[in-house]
N, C-alpha and C. Protein backbone atom coordinates (compact mmCIF):
# COMPACT_ATOMS: atom_id res chain seq x y z
N MET A 1 48.66 -104.80 -70.05
CA MET A 1 49.50 -105.99 -69.78
C MET A 1 50.95 -105.83 -70.33
N SER A 2 51.05 -105.26 -71.51
CA SER A 2 52.39 -105.07 -72.07
C SER A 2 53.27 -104.13 -71.29
N ASP A 3 52.61 -103.12 -70.66
CA ASP A 3 53.41 -102.17 -69.84
C ASP A 3 54.09 -102.85 -68.67
N ILE A 4 53.31 -103.77 -68.01
CA ILE A 4 53.95 -104.46 -66.89
C ILE A 4 55.11 -105.38 -67.38
N LYS A 5 54.91 -106.03 -68.49
CA LYS A 5 55.92 -106.90 -69.07
C LYS A 5 57.16 -106.12 -69.46
N GLU A 6 56.94 -104.94 -70.07
CA GLU A 6 58.06 -104.08 -70.43
C GLU A 6 58.82 -103.60 -69.21
N ARG A 7 58.13 -103.27 -68.16
CA ARG A 7 58.80 -102.85 -66.89
C ARG A 7 59.60 -104.00 -66.24
N LEU A 8 58.98 -105.18 -66.28
CA LEU A 8 59.66 -106.33 -65.77
C LEU A 8 60.90 -106.68 -66.54
N ASP A 9 60.83 -106.56 -67.83
CA ASP A 9 62.03 -106.76 -68.69
C ASP A 9 63.14 -105.78 -68.30
N LYS A 10 62.78 -104.57 -67.95
CA LYS A 10 63.76 -103.58 -67.50
C LYS A 10 64.37 -103.96 -66.17
N VAL A 11 63.63 -104.62 -65.29
CA VAL A 11 64.06 -105.11 -64.03
C VAL A 11 65.13 -106.22 -64.32
N ARG A 12 64.80 -107.13 -65.19
CA ARG A 12 65.71 -108.23 -65.54
C ARG A 12 67.07 -107.65 -65.92
N VAL A 13 67.10 -106.64 -66.71
CA VAL A 13 68.34 -105.98 -67.22
C VAL A 13 69.00 -105.26 -66.06
N LEU A 14 68.27 -104.52 -65.31
CA LEU A 14 68.82 -103.71 -64.27
C LEU A 14 69.50 -104.47 -63.15
N ILE A 15 68.93 -105.63 -62.74
CA ILE A 15 69.50 -106.36 -61.59
C ILE A 15 70.84 -106.98 -61.91
N GLN A 16 71.26 -106.97 -63.20
CA GLN A 16 72.50 -107.50 -63.64
C GLN A 16 73.54 -106.43 -63.79
N GLU A 17 73.18 -105.17 -63.75
CA GLU A 17 74.10 -104.04 -64.01
C GLU A 17 75.04 -103.87 -62.82
N PRO A 18 76.27 -103.61 -63.05
CA PRO A 18 77.24 -103.39 -61.96
C PRO A 18 76.83 -102.23 -61.02
N GLU A 19 76.27 -101.17 -61.64
CA GLU A 19 75.85 -100.00 -60.88
C GLU A 19 74.79 -100.39 -59.83
N PHE A 20 73.83 -101.23 -60.25
CA PHE A 20 72.82 -101.73 -59.37
C PHE A 20 73.37 -102.56 -58.27
N LEU A 21 74.25 -103.56 -58.65
CA LEU A 21 74.76 -104.50 -57.74
C LEU A 21 75.72 -103.79 -56.67
N GLU A 22 76.33 -102.72 -57.08
CA GLU A 22 77.20 -102.01 -56.21
C GLU A 22 76.56 -100.83 -55.49
N GLY A 23 75.26 -100.55 -55.81
CA GLY A 23 74.56 -99.44 -55.18
C GLY A 23 75.04 -98.10 -55.63
N LYS A 24 75.65 -97.95 -56.80
CA LYS A 24 76.14 -96.65 -57.22
C LYS A 24 74.99 -95.78 -57.64
N GLY A 25 75.18 -94.47 -57.43
CA GLY A 25 74.21 -93.49 -57.78
C GLY A 25 73.09 -93.27 -56.73
N LEU A 26 73.31 -93.79 -55.51
CA LEU A 26 72.24 -93.66 -54.52
C LEU A 26 72.62 -92.71 -53.42
N SER A 27 73.62 -91.88 -53.61
CA SER A 27 74.00 -90.82 -52.66
C SER A 27 74.32 -91.38 -51.23
N ASN A 28 75.01 -92.55 -51.23
CA ASN A 28 75.41 -93.17 -49.98
C ASN A 28 74.18 -93.69 -49.21
N GLU A 29 73.04 -93.85 -49.82
CA GLU A 29 71.86 -94.46 -49.19
C GLU A 29 71.99 -95.99 -49.32
N VAL A 30 71.21 -96.68 -48.49
CA VAL A 30 71.13 -98.15 -48.58
C VAL A 30 70.60 -98.52 -49.91
N ASN A 31 70.96 -99.68 -50.40
CA ASN A 31 70.66 -100.19 -51.74
C ASN A 31 69.31 -100.95 -51.69
N ILE A 32 68.28 -100.20 -51.42
CA ILE A 32 66.89 -100.83 -51.35
C ILE A 32 66.09 -100.17 -52.49
N ARG A 33 65.57 -101.01 -53.36
CA ARG A 33 64.73 -100.54 -54.43
C ARG A 33 63.37 -101.22 -54.36
N ILE A 34 62.40 -100.51 -54.80
CA ILE A 34 61.04 -101.06 -54.81
C ILE A 34 60.46 -101.02 -56.24
N PHE A 35 59.97 -102.20 -56.62
CA PHE A 35 59.30 -102.26 -57.93
C PHE A 35 57.87 -102.32 -57.65
N CYS A 36 57.20 -101.18 -57.96
CA CYS A 36 55.72 -101.05 -57.71
C CYS A 36 54.94 -101.54 -58.91
N TYR A 37 53.85 -102.19 -58.60
CA TYR A 37 53.05 -102.72 -59.75
C TYR A 37 51.57 -102.73 -59.27
N GLU A 38 50.65 -102.72 -60.23
CA GLU A 38 49.22 -102.77 -59.90
C GLU A 38 48.92 -104.11 -59.27
N PRO A 39 48.12 -104.19 -58.22
CA PRO A 39 47.84 -105.44 -57.55
C PRO A 39 47.22 -106.47 -58.50
N GLU A 40 46.50 -106.01 -59.54
CA GLU A 40 45.88 -106.94 -60.45
C GLU A 40 46.93 -107.63 -61.35
N ASN A 41 48.19 -107.20 -61.31
CA ASN A 41 49.24 -107.84 -62.12
C ASN A 41 50.03 -108.78 -61.28
N GLU A 42 49.51 -109.21 -60.15
CA GLU A 42 50.21 -110.13 -59.29
C GLU A 42 50.71 -111.38 -59.91
N MET A 43 49.78 -112.00 -60.70
CA MET A 43 50.12 -113.26 -61.32
C MET A 43 51.22 -113.07 -62.40
N VAL A 44 51.24 -112.01 -63.10
CA VAL A 44 52.31 -111.69 -64.08
C VAL A 44 53.60 -111.53 -63.33
N VAL A 45 53.59 -110.84 -62.24
CA VAL A 45 54.85 -110.62 -61.47
C VAL A 45 55.31 -111.98 -60.94
N ARG A 46 54.44 -112.76 -60.41
CA ARG A 46 54.86 -114.08 -59.87
C ARG A 46 55.46 -114.98 -60.94
N HIS A 47 54.88 -114.92 -62.15
CA HIS A 47 55.45 -115.70 -63.24
C HIS A 47 56.79 -115.21 -63.61
N PHE A 48 57.05 -113.94 -63.60
CA PHE A 48 58.36 -113.32 -63.91
C PHE A 48 59.35 -113.73 -62.88
N VAL A 49 58.99 -113.70 -61.57
CA VAL A 49 59.89 -114.07 -60.56
C VAL A 49 60.32 -115.59 -60.74
N ASN A 50 59.29 -116.40 -60.99
CA ASN A 50 59.60 -117.82 -61.20
C ASN A 50 60.55 -118.02 -62.35
N GLN A 51 60.43 -117.29 -63.42
CA GLN A 51 61.32 -117.40 -64.54
C GLN A 51 62.65 -116.94 -64.17
N LEU A 52 62.80 -115.85 -63.41
CA LEU A 52 64.09 -115.37 -62.99
C LEU A 52 64.83 -116.36 -62.12
N GLU A 53 64.09 -117.04 -61.23
CA GLU A 53 64.73 -117.98 -60.32
C GLU A 53 65.42 -119.12 -61.04
N THR A 54 64.91 -119.45 -62.20
CA THR A 54 65.43 -120.58 -62.97
C THR A 54 66.38 -120.18 -64.13
N ASP A 55 66.54 -118.81 -64.27
CA ASP A 55 67.36 -118.35 -65.37
C ASP A 55 68.85 -118.44 -65.08
N GLN A 56 69.49 -119.42 -65.71
CA GLN A 56 70.91 -119.67 -65.46
C GLN A 56 71.79 -118.63 -66.14
N SER A 57 71.24 -117.78 -67.02
CA SER A 57 72.11 -116.83 -67.76
C SER A 57 72.19 -115.48 -67.01
N LEU A 58 71.57 -115.32 -65.87
CA LEU A 58 71.67 -114.03 -65.13
C LEU A 58 73.05 -113.84 -64.64
N ASP A 59 73.49 -112.54 -64.73
CA ASP A 59 74.82 -112.14 -64.31
C ASP A 59 74.74 -111.63 -62.85
N CYS A 60 73.92 -112.29 -62.02
CA CYS A 60 73.82 -111.95 -60.60
C CYS A 60 73.31 -113.22 -59.93
N HIS A 61 73.47 -113.28 -58.64
CA HIS A 61 73.02 -114.39 -57.89
C HIS A 61 71.69 -113.96 -57.14
N LEU A 62 70.52 -114.32 -57.70
CA LEU A 62 69.25 -113.88 -57.21
C LEU A 62 68.81 -114.79 -56.03
N ILE A 63 68.51 -114.20 -54.94
CA ILE A 63 67.98 -114.88 -53.74
C ILE A 63 66.60 -114.36 -53.55
N VAL A 64 65.61 -115.17 -53.84
CA VAL A 64 64.19 -114.84 -53.70
C VAL A 64 63.66 -115.26 -52.36
N CYS A 65 63.07 -114.37 -51.63
CA CYS A 65 62.46 -114.64 -50.36
C CYS A 65 60.98 -114.21 -50.38
N ASN A 66 60.11 -115.22 -50.43
CA ASN A 66 58.65 -114.96 -50.34
C ASN A 66 58.30 -114.75 -48.86
N LEU A 67 57.92 -113.57 -48.53
CA LEU A 67 57.69 -113.20 -47.11
C LEU A 67 56.50 -114.04 -46.54
N TYR A 68 55.52 -114.35 -47.38
CA TYR A 68 54.40 -115.11 -46.80
C TYR A 68 54.87 -116.54 -46.46
N LYS A 69 55.66 -117.17 -47.41
CA LYS A 69 56.21 -118.47 -47.07
C LYS A 69 57.15 -118.41 -45.84
N THR A 70 57.88 -117.33 -45.71
CA THR A 70 58.72 -117.16 -44.57
C THR A 70 57.89 -117.13 -43.29
N PHE A 71 56.80 -116.36 -43.34
CA PHE A 71 55.89 -116.29 -42.21
C PHE A 71 55.31 -117.68 -41.79
N LEU A 72 54.91 -118.42 -42.84
CA LEU A 72 54.38 -119.82 -42.55
C LEU A 72 55.46 -120.70 -41.95
N SER A 73 56.69 -120.53 -42.46
CA SER A 73 57.81 -121.31 -41.84
C SER A 73 58.08 -120.98 -40.41
N ILE A 74 58.00 -119.73 -40.09
CA ILE A 74 58.14 -119.21 -38.70
C ILE A 74 57.02 -119.88 -37.86
N CYS A 75 55.81 -119.82 -38.34
CA CYS A 75 54.71 -120.42 -37.60
C CYS A 75 54.95 -121.96 -37.39
N ASP A 76 55.47 -122.61 -38.45
CA ASP A 76 55.78 -124.00 -38.28
C ASP A 76 56.85 -124.24 -37.23
N ASP A 77 57.89 -123.45 -37.25
CA ASP A 77 58.99 -123.54 -36.30
C ASP A 77 58.49 -123.35 -34.87
N MET A 78 57.45 -122.46 -34.73
CA MET A 78 56.88 -122.20 -33.36
C MET A 78 55.83 -123.19 -32.97
N ASP A 79 55.57 -124.11 -33.91
CA ASP A 79 54.57 -125.17 -33.72
C ASP A 79 53.16 -124.56 -33.43
N ILE A 80 52.80 -123.54 -34.16
CA ILE A 80 51.49 -122.87 -33.91
C ILE A 80 50.57 -122.93 -35.11
N THR A 81 51.04 -123.44 -36.22
CA THR A 81 50.38 -123.39 -37.53
C THR A 81 48.92 -124.04 -37.38
N ASP A 82 48.91 -125.22 -36.79
CA ASP A 82 47.67 -125.89 -36.75
C ASP A 82 46.65 -125.29 -35.73
N ALA A 83 47.14 -124.53 -34.82
CA ALA A 83 46.28 -123.87 -33.81
C ALA A 83 45.63 -122.59 -34.34
N ILE A 84 46.18 -122.00 -35.44
CA ILE A 84 45.78 -120.69 -35.90
C ILE A 84 44.27 -120.68 -36.29
N PRO A 85 43.78 -121.61 -37.10
CA PRO A 85 42.36 -121.53 -37.47
C PRO A 85 41.42 -121.64 -36.24
N ASP A 86 41.74 -122.55 -35.27
CA ASP A 86 40.91 -122.71 -34.09
C ASP A 86 40.88 -121.37 -33.25
N MET A 87 42.12 -120.79 -33.17
CA MET A 87 42.20 -119.53 -32.38
C MET A 87 41.41 -118.45 -33.02
N GLU A 88 41.42 -118.33 -34.39
CA GLU A 88 40.67 -117.31 -35.04
C GLU A 88 39.17 -117.59 -34.87
N GLU A 89 38.73 -118.80 -34.99
CA GLU A 89 37.32 -119.11 -34.87
C GLU A 89 36.83 -118.81 -33.36
N ALA A 90 37.68 -119.16 -32.42
CA ALA A 90 37.22 -119.01 -31.00
C ALA A 90 37.36 -117.58 -30.54
N ASP A 91 38.35 -116.87 -30.98
CA ASP A 91 38.69 -115.51 -30.42
C ASP A 91 38.55 -114.39 -31.37
N GLY A 92 38.44 -114.68 -32.69
CA GLY A 92 38.28 -113.63 -33.67
C GLY A 92 39.60 -113.26 -34.30
N SER A 93 39.46 -112.61 -35.47
CA SER A 93 40.64 -112.31 -36.25
C SER A 93 41.49 -111.18 -35.64
N VAL A 94 40.85 -110.30 -34.95
CA VAL A 94 41.60 -109.17 -34.33
C VAL A 94 42.48 -109.73 -33.22
N TYR A 95 41.95 -110.64 -32.39
CA TYR A 95 42.75 -111.28 -31.33
C TYR A 95 43.91 -112.10 -31.93
N LEU A 96 43.57 -112.83 -32.96
CA LEU A 96 44.60 -113.66 -33.65
C LEU A 96 45.76 -112.81 -34.16
N LEU A 97 45.38 -111.68 -34.81
CA LEU A 97 46.41 -110.81 -35.35
C LEU A 97 47.26 -110.22 -34.26
N GLU A 98 46.68 -109.87 -33.14
CA GLU A 98 47.45 -109.34 -31.97
C GLU A 98 48.37 -110.33 -31.43
N GLN A 99 47.94 -111.63 -31.34
CA GLN A 99 48.81 -112.70 -30.83
C GLN A 99 49.93 -112.97 -31.77
N LEU A 100 49.64 -113.07 -33.06
CA LEU A 100 50.69 -113.31 -34.01
C LEU A 100 51.70 -112.18 -34.08
N ASN A 101 51.19 -110.96 -34.03
CA ASN A 101 52.12 -109.81 -34.09
C ASN A 101 53.01 -109.74 -32.81
N SER A 102 52.54 -110.20 -31.70
CA SER A 102 53.33 -110.20 -30.48
C SER A 102 54.35 -111.34 -30.52
N ALA A 103 54.00 -112.40 -31.19
CA ALA A 103 54.91 -113.61 -31.18
C ALA A 103 55.93 -113.51 -32.31
N ILE A 104 55.53 -112.93 -33.44
CA ILE A 104 56.39 -112.89 -34.63
C ILE A 104 56.70 -111.45 -35.03
N GLY A 105 57.95 -111.05 -34.94
CA GLY A 105 58.30 -109.70 -35.30
C GLY A 105 59.39 -109.70 -36.33
N ASN A 106 59.97 -108.56 -36.59
CA ASN A 106 61.02 -108.42 -37.55
C ASN A 106 62.22 -109.34 -37.26
N GLY A 107 62.47 -109.56 -36.01
CA GLY A 107 63.68 -110.39 -35.66
C GLY A 107 63.49 -111.84 -36.15
N GLU A 108 62.30 -112.39 -36.10
CA GLU A 108 62.06 -113.69 -36.62
C GLU A 108 62.21 -113.74 -38.13
N PHE A 109 61.70 -112.71 -38.83
CA PHE A 109 61.90 -112.68 -40.27
C PHE A 109 63.35 -112.53 -40.62
N ILE A 110 64.06 -111.68 -39.94
CA ILE A 110 65.53 -111.48 -40.23
C ILE A 110 66.24 -112.82 -40.00
N ASP A 111 65.98 -113.54 -38.95
CA ASP A 111 66.64 -114.82 -38.70
C ASP A 111 66.44 -115.78 -39.89
N LYS A 112 65.23 -115.79 -40.54
CA LYS A 112 64.95 -116.65 -41.65
C LYS A 112 65.56 -116.12 -42.92
N ILE A 113 65.65 -114.84 -43.13
CA ILE A 113 66.12 -114.26 -44.34
C ILE A 113 67.62 -114.17 -44.41
N GLN A 114 68.26 -113.93 -43.26
CA GLN A 114 69.72 -113.76 -43.21
C GLN A 114 70.51 -114.99 -43.66
N TYR A 115 71.53 -114.80 -44.37
CA TYR A 115 72.42 -115.86 -44.83
C TYR A 115 73.86 -115.33 -44.82
N GLU A 116 74.84 -116.23 -44.72
CA GLU A 116 76.27 -115.92 -44.80
C GLU A 116 76.92 -116.86 -45.69
N PRO A 117 77.96 -116.53 -46.33
CA PRO A 117 78.44 -115.17 -46.52
C PRO A 117 77.64 -114.52 -47.64
N HIS A 118 77.64 -113.18 -47.55
CA HIS A 118 77.11 -112.34 -48.65
C HIS A 118 78.24 -112.28 -49.75
N GLU A 119 77.87 -112.51 -50.98
CA GLU A 119 78.85 -112.54 -52.05
C GLU A 119 78.60 -111.42 -53.05
N PRO A 120 79.65 -110.89 -53.66
CA PRO A 120 79.39 -109.85 -54.72
C PRO A 120 78.50 -110.52 -55.80
N GLY A 121 77.54 -109.70 -56.22
CA GLY A 121 76.61 -110.20 -57.22
C GLY A 121 75.32 -110.66 -56.62
N ASP A 122 75.22 -110.81 -55.30
CA ASP A 122 73.94 -111.23 -54.68
C ASP A 122 72.91 -110.17 -54.83
N VAL A 123 71.66 -110.52 -55.06
CA VAL A 123 70.51 -109.70 -55.01
C VAL A 123 69.45 -110.33 -54.27
N LEU A 124 68.95 -109.67 -53.15
CA LEU A 124 67.85 -110.22 -52.33
C LEU A 124 66.57 -109.64 -52.88
N MET A 125 65.71 -110.49 -53.40
CA MET A 125 64.43 -110.11 -53.95
C MET A 125 63.33 -110.57 -52.93
N LEU A 126 62.60 -109.55 -52.37
CA LEU A 126 61.52 -109.88 -51.44
C LEU A 126 60.18 -109.88 -52.21
N THR A 127 59.47 -111.00 -52.11
CA THR A 127 58.17 -111.10 -52.72
C THR A 127 57.18 -111.48 -51.62
N GLY A 128 55.93 -111.67 -52.02
CA GLY A 128 54.90 -112.02 -51.05
C GLY A 128 54.43 -110.91 -50.15
N VAL A 129 54.69 -109.71 -50.43
CA VAL A 129 54.42 -108.54 -49.57
C VAL A 129 52.90 -108.42 -49.33
N GLY A 130 52.16 -108.57 -50.41
CA GLY A 130 50.70 -108.55 -50.29
C GLY A 130 50.09 -109.71 -49.54
N GLU A 131 50.71 -110.87 -49.78
CA GLU A 131 50.20 -112.14 -49.20
C GLU A 131 50.40 -112.15 -47.68
N VAL A 132 51.49 -111.57 -47.21
CA VAL A 132 51.84 -111.63 -45.81
C VAL A 132 51.13 -110.58 -44.94
N PHE A 133 50.55 -109.57 -45.64
CA PHE A 133 49.81 -108.58 -44.94
C PHE A 133 48.53 -109.20 -44.36
N PRO A 134 48.19 -108.91 -43.08
CA PRO A 134 48.65 -107.86 -42.19
C PRO A 134 49.63 -108.37 -41.09
N PHE A 135 50.21 -109.52 -41.33
CA PHE A 135 51.10 -110.16 -40.35
C PHE A 135 52.41 -109.54 -40.34
N MET A 136 52.84 -108.88 -41.39
CA MET A 136 54.11 -108.17 -41.50
C MET A 136 53.94 -107.00 -42.38
N ARG A 137 54.55 -105.88 -42.07
CA ARG A 137 54.49 -104.70 -42.84
C ARG A 137 55.91 -104.43 -43.40
N ILE A 138 55.93 -104.20 -44.70
CA ILE A 138 57.25 -104.08 -45.36
C ILE A 138 58.11 -102.90 -44.88
N HIS A 139 57.46 -101.79 -44.54
CA HIS A 139 58.25 -100.63 -44.17
C HIS A 139 59.02 -100.87 -42.83
N THR A 140 58.44 -101.64 -41.92
CA THR A 140 59.19 -101.90 -40.70
C THR A 140 60.27 -102.94 -40.89
N LEU A 141 59.95 -103.97 -41.83
CA LEU A 141 60.90 -104.99 -42.08
C LEU A 141 62.15 -104.39 -42.76
N LEU A 142 61.95 -103.53 -43.75
CA LEU A 142 63.07 -102.95 -44.47
C LEU A 142 63.95 -102.10 -43.48
N GLU A 143 63.35 -101.45 -42.58
CA GLU A 143 64.15 -100.64 -41.60
C GLU A 143 65.03 -101.62 -40.79
N ALA A 144 64.46 -102.76 -40.43
CA ALA A 144 65.18 -103.72 -39.56
C ALA A 144 66.22 -104.48 -40.38
N LEU A 145 66.03 -104.67 -41.67
CA LEU A 145 66.97 -105.45 -42.49
C LEU A 145 68.23 -104.72 -42.86
N GLN A 146 68.17 -103.38 -42.85
CA GLN A 146 69.32 -102.56 -43.32
C GLN A 146 70.67 -102.93 -42.75
N PRO A 147 70.73 -103.12 -41.43
CA PRO A 147 72.14 -103.39 -40.87
C PRO A 147 72.61 -104.78 -41.34
N TYR A 148 71.75 -105.73 -41.69
CA TYR A 148 72.14 -107.08 -42.02
C TYR A 148 72.39 -107.23 -43.53
N PHE A 149 71.94 -106.31 -44.37
CA PHE A 149 72.11 -106.46 -45.82
C PHE A 149 72.74 -105.11 -46.36
N SER A 150 73.54 -104.47 -45.62
CA SER A 150 74.07 -103.19 -46.11
C SER A 150 74.96 -103.43 -47.38
N ASP A 151 75.43 -104.62 -47.64
CA ASP A 151 76.31 -104.93 -48.70
C ASP A 151 75.60 -105.67 -49.89
N VAL A 152 74.29 -105.89 -49.72
CA VAL A 152 73.49 -106.61 -50.71
C VAL A 152 72.33 -105.73 -51.21
N PRO A 153 72.12 -105.59 -52.53
CA PRO A 153 70.98 -104.85 -52.96
C PRO A 153 69.70 -105.64 -52.64
N ILE A 154 68.71 -104.92 -52.21
CA ILE A 154 67.38 -105.47 -51.89
C ILE A 154 66.37 -104.94 -52.85
N LEU A 155 65.68 -105.81 -53.52
CA LEU A 155 64.62 -105.39 -54.44
C LEU A 155 63.27 -105.97 -53.96
N VAL A 156 62.37 -105.09 -53.63
CA VAL A 156 61.06 -105.50 -53.14
C VAL A 156 60.06 -105.42 -54.29
N MET A 157 59.37 -106.49 -54.49
CA MET A 157 58.27 -106.58 -55.50
C MET A 157 56.96 -106.16 -54.74
N TYR A 158 56.51 -104.93 -55.04
CA TYR A 158 55.48 -104.31 -54.19
C TYR A 158 54.17 -104.04 -54.89
N PRO A 159 53.10 -104.78 -54.48
CA PRO A 159 51.80 -104.54 -55.13
C PRO A 159 51.14 -103.28 -54.56
N GLY A 160 51.51 -102.11 -55.08
CA GLY A 160 51.00 -100.87 -54.57
C GLY A 160 51.92 -99.74 -55.09
N GLU A 161 51.88 -98.64 -54.25
CA GLU A 161 52.54 -97.40 -54.69
C GLU A 161 53.68 -97.04 -53.69
N PHE A 162 54.73 -96.43 -54.21
CA PHE A 162 55.77 -95.85 -53.42
C PHE A 162 56.13 -94.51 -54.07
N ASP A 163 55.96 -93.43 -53.34
CA ASP A 163 56.16 -92.09 -53.90
C ASP A 163 57.47 -91.50 -53.44
N GLY A 164 58.37 -92.32 -52.87
CA GLY A 164 59.66 -91.82 -52.42
C GLY A 164 59.64 -91.51 -50.94
N ARG A 165 58.47 -91.44 -50.33
CA ARG A 165 58.27 -91.13 -48.94
C ARG A 165 57.33 -92.08 -48.23
N HIS A 166 56.36 -92.60 -48.94
CA HIS A 166 55.36 -93.44 -48.32
C HIS A 166 55.13 -94.67 -49.19
N VAL A 167 54.86 -95.82 -48.57
CA VAL A 167 54.41 -97.04 -49.31
C VAL A 167 52.88 -97.18 -49.05
N LYS A 168 52.20 -97.50 -50.05
CA LYS A 168 50.75 -97.67 -49.99
C LYS A 168 50.34 -98.99 -50.58
N LEU A 169 50.19 -100.01 -49.72
CA LEU A 169 49.89 -101.34 -50.18
C LEU A 169 48.55 -101.44 -50.88
N PHE A 170 48.49 -102.11 -51.99
CA PHE A 170 47.29 -102.30 -52.80
C PHE A 170 46.75 -101.00 -53.33
N ASN A 171 47.56 -99.96 -53.29
CA ASN A 171 47.16 -98.63 -53.74
C ASN A 171 45.97 -98.04 -52.99
N ARG A 172 45.59 -98.63 -51.82
CA ARG A 172 44.44 -98.10 -51.09
C ARG A 172 44.53 -98.11 -49.61
N LEU A 173 45.49 -98.86 -49.03
CA LEU A 173 45.68 -98.84 -47.57
C LEU A 173 46.30 -97.55 -47.14
N THR A 174 46.13 -97.25 -45.82
CA THR A 174 46.79 -95.99 -45.34
C THR A 174 48.27 -96.06 -45.63
N PRO A 175 48.83 -95.00 -46.17
CA PRO A 175 50.29 -95.00 -46.48
C PRO A 175 51.12 -95.06 -45.21
N ASN A 176 52.27 -95.73 -45.29
CA ASN A 176 53.22 -95.78 -44.20
C ASN A 176 54.50 -95.10 -44.62
N ASP A 177 55.13 -94.34 -43.70
CA ASP A 177 56.32 -93.66 -44.04
C ASP A 177 57.48 -94.66 -44.31
N TYR A 178 58.15 -94.48 -45.40
CA TYR A 178 59.44 -95.14 -45.63
C TYR A 178 60.15 -94.32 -46.66
N TYR A 179 61.33 -93.83 -46.35
CA TYR A 179 62.01 -92.91 -47.21
C TYR A 179 63.39 -93.32 -47.59
N ARG A 180 63.83 -94.54 -47.22
CA ARG A 180 65.20 -94.89 -47.48
C ARG A 180 65.30 -95.82 -48.75
N ALA A 181 64.27 -95.90 -49.55
CA ALA A 181 64.32 -96.72 -50.75
C ALA A 181 64.12 -95.87 -51.97
N PHE A 182 64.28 -96.52 -53.12
CA PHE A 182 64.10 -95.87 -54.41
C PHE A 182 63.25 -96.68 -55.31
N ASN A 183 62.50 -96.09 -56.17
CA ASN A 183 61.71 -96.84 -57.14
C ASN A 183 62.74 -97.34 -58.13
N VAL A 184 62.66 -98.60 -58.46
CA VAL A 184 63.55 -99.17 -59.41
C VAL A 184 63.23 -98.90 -60.83
N ILE A 185 62.04 -98.93 -61.16
CA ILE A 185 61.56 -98.59 -62.52
C ILE A 185 60.31 -97.76 -62.37
N ASP A 186 60.35 -96.56 -63.01
CA ASP A 186 59.16 -95.73 -62.98
C ASP A 186 58.06 -96.16 -63.88
């Protein structure tokens, strides 16, 4: 437990550093960092994020986006939330997932996440990656977000592994290629 808390304390320091905020040291790559943690530490990470959101002493402007809450908001906007349980019961979870994936894509997530103007010191923190699975996959969303947040560091709180080339949700699902991010804390 102390290892995760020590690593999270390092994140708190890092997100305030000018080098992080300006994306220095990334060889002209996009400023996307991934904080990997063991899935069983989810509640510790959530508590940390909640503390950060209310920390008035941060030297950055933290914008937290829970992807699962974003997904639910998209469903509400499309007026389909109440129909989801009945659809799953009648047609099965595979059919439901196909329908949701065809109706809700990266564009809908970007529309909800995007804000203007981006200000120096902004940090976009993406949470809820495990909760929103299988309705959204982080590797495809990050690819789609890059053009919209090229001037804002993105920090993904990821319950799984990232080896610099592949993300592996929950440390056990089939790895997906993603090579444009960096581990924020080893």
